[in-house]
Amino acid sequence: MPDDIRSQPQTVSTGPLPASRKIYVSGKHHPDLRVPMREIDLAPSAKEPPVRVYDTSGPYTDPAITIDIRKGLAPMRAAWITARGDVESYDGRAIRPEDDGLRRGEQRANTAIFTGAPRKPLRAKPGRAVTQLHYARKGIITPEMEYIAIRENLGREAM
């Protein structure tokens, strides 16, 4: 495997998308939420306001964010999860070839290995449940729930 492939700079397309702009919608229960949306301009002949849709481009189209694909995406939910105080981290298991889609003994492809920011896995503390269903049954609206409600435009006014 040529060494020069891994040493080449990795690039990704960034920047604004045409005829639209990235905006963020805040939460009502969790005002610090920032749900990315895209306002798409329609043809002037339509005489309609822009159409708002969920923006799936992640941070790549946000001009205020510096992108480094070697670091991976920021752990957006980490603070939400740890703030509930019902999880703990642990060492987990060693990485195996099949984690990268390889068979035992199979060589890696000629692409750079993603080292990212290694994070330890989380698990529920003893006697705790940490599913969204568990929180919903207790009447708790988690940041994840509100994020999805905003993203899907599911009755935000009723929340």
Foldseek 3Di string as FASTA:
>chain_A
DDPVQQVDADDDAAEADPQKDWAFDAADVGRVHTFIWIFHDDPVVVVDGTDIAGDPPPCRHPPVDDDDPLQPDDPVCPCLQVVVVFKDFDADDDDDPVVVPDDVPDDDDSHHDRPHDDDTDMDTDPPDDDDPVVCVVVVHCGPVNRSVCVNVVPPSVVD
